[in-house]
Amino acid sequence: MAEDVLSTHHRAILASLQALSDDGRAFTLCLVVHTHGSTYRKAGALAIVGHDGSRRGVISGGCLESELETAAISALQQHRPRLIVFDTNHE
């Protein structure tokens, strides 16, 4: 039976969450909740952004990652969850 890549990815993210929590380091968990049309990653994709901007996981294959990091760090600094909409159909 072939290995489930998504499951492997999620296990790696969860292991990172555990390690960050155990070390008392601040982080933001990013989750893709909805997609429409052709996308690199679908709903359920996870990424973690540390307080220092370090990232594990991807949500877009590259084009949205810097915006994700900026929004995640801002949310972490303000201690507030965020819902961010990335519309790649328009500039």
Protein backbone atom coordinates (compact mmCIF):
# COMPACT_ATOMS: atom_id res chain seq x y z
CA MET A 1 0.00 0.00 0.00
CA ALA A 2 1.34 3.46 -0.93
CA GLU A 3 2.13 5.92 1.83
CA ASP A 4 -0.44 8.70 2.29
CA VAL A 5 1.55 11.89 1.66
CA LEU A 6 -1.05 14.14 3.31
CA SER A 7 -1.11 11.97 6.41
CA THR A 8 2.69 12.01 6.58
CA HIS A 9 2.69 15.81 6.20
CA HIS A 10 0.10 16.22 8.97
CA ARG A 11 2.05 13.93 11.30
CA ALA A 12 5.16 16.06 10.75
CA ILE A 13 3.22 19.25 11.48
CA LEU A 14 1.71 17.73 14.63
CA ALA A 15 5.16 16.61 15.79
CA SER A 16 6.40 20.17 15.28
CA LEU A 17 3.46 21.53 17.27
CA GLN A 18 4.31 19.18 20.12
CA ALA A 19 7.98 20.15 20.07
CA LEU A 20 7.21 23.88 20.02
CA SER A 21 4.70 23.48 22.84
CA ASP A 22 7.10 21.38 24.91
CA ASP A 23 9.81 24.04 24.47
CA GLY A 24 7.40 26.87 25.34
CA ARG A 25 7.98 28.59 21.99
CA ALA A 26 5.24 30.74 20.47
CA PHE A 27 3.80 29.78 17.08
CA THR A 28 0.79 30.23 14.85
CA LEU A 29 -1.02 27.28 13.32
CA CYS A 30 -2.27 28.08 9.80
CA LEU A 31 -5.03 26.00 8.25
CA VAL A 32 -6.54 26.19 4.78
CA VAL A 33 -10.30 25.98 5.39
CA HIS A 34 -11.69 26.43 1.88
CA THR A 35 -10.44 26.52 -1.70
CA HIS A 36 -12.08 27.15 -5.03
CA GLY A 37 -10.82 26.10 -8.43
CA SER A 38 -7.30 25.01 -9.16
CA THR A 39 -5.03 25.29 -6.12
CA TYR A 40 -1.68 23.84 -5.12
CA ARG A 41 -3.00 22.83 -1.68
CA LYS A 42 -6.58 22.06 -0.71
CA ALA A 43 -8.63 22.53 2.45
CA GLY A 44 -6.92 20.85 5.37
CA ALA A 45 -3.40 21.98 4.43
CA LEU A 46 -1.40 23.02 7.49
CA ALA A 47 1.56 25.24 8.20
CA ILE A 48 3.18 26.49 11.38
CA VAL A 49 4.85 29.88 11.64
CA GLY A 50 7.11 30.48 14.62
CA HIS A 51 7.47 33.82 16.39
CA ASP A 52 10.77 34.24 14.55
CA GLY A 53 9.19 33.70 11.11
CA SER A 54 10.37 30.12 10.73
CA ARG A 55 7.84 28.00 8.89
CA ARG A 56 7.02 24.32 8.59
CA GLY A 57 4.54 23.28 5.91
CA VAL A 58 3.12 25.18 2.96
CA ILE A 59 -0.28 26.42 1.90
CA SER A 60 0.38 27.55 -1.65
CA GLY A 61 3.52 26.13 -3.12
CA GLY A 62 5.31 29.45 -2.74
CA CYS A 63 3.28 32.38 -4.02
CA LEU A 64 1.42 33.14 -0.77
CA GLU A 65 3.96 32.02 1.80
CA SER A 66 5.47 35.45 2.58
CA GLU A 67 1.99 36.92 3.10
CA LEU A 68 1.11 33.96 5.29
CA GLU A 69 4.20 34.52 7.43
CA THR A 70 3.47 38.24 7.83
CA ALA A 71 -0.17 37.62 8.81
CA ALA A 72 0.76 34.78 11.15
CA ILE A 73 3.38 36.81 13.00
CA SER A 74 0.97 39.74 13.30
CA ALA A 75 -1.74 37.48 14.73
CA LEU A 76 0.75 36.00 17.16
CA GLN A 77 1.96 39.44 18.33
CA GLN A 78 -1.62 40.63 18.81
CA HIS A 79 -2.76 37.37 20.44
CA ARG A 80 -5.73 37.27 18.06
CA PRO A 81 -6.84 34.63 15.58
CA ARG A 82 -7.26 35.72 11.99
CA LEU A 83 -9.18 34.64 8.95
CA ILE A 84 -7.25 35.66 5.86
CA VAL A 85 -8.68 35.41 2.35
CA PHE A 86 -6.18 34.94 -0.44
CA ASP A 87 -7.77 35.58 -3.82
CA THR A 88 -5.35 34.48 -6.52
CA ASN A 89 -7.82 35.27 -9.30
CA HIS A 90 -7.13 39.01 -8.94
CA GLU A 91 -4.03 41.11 -8.27
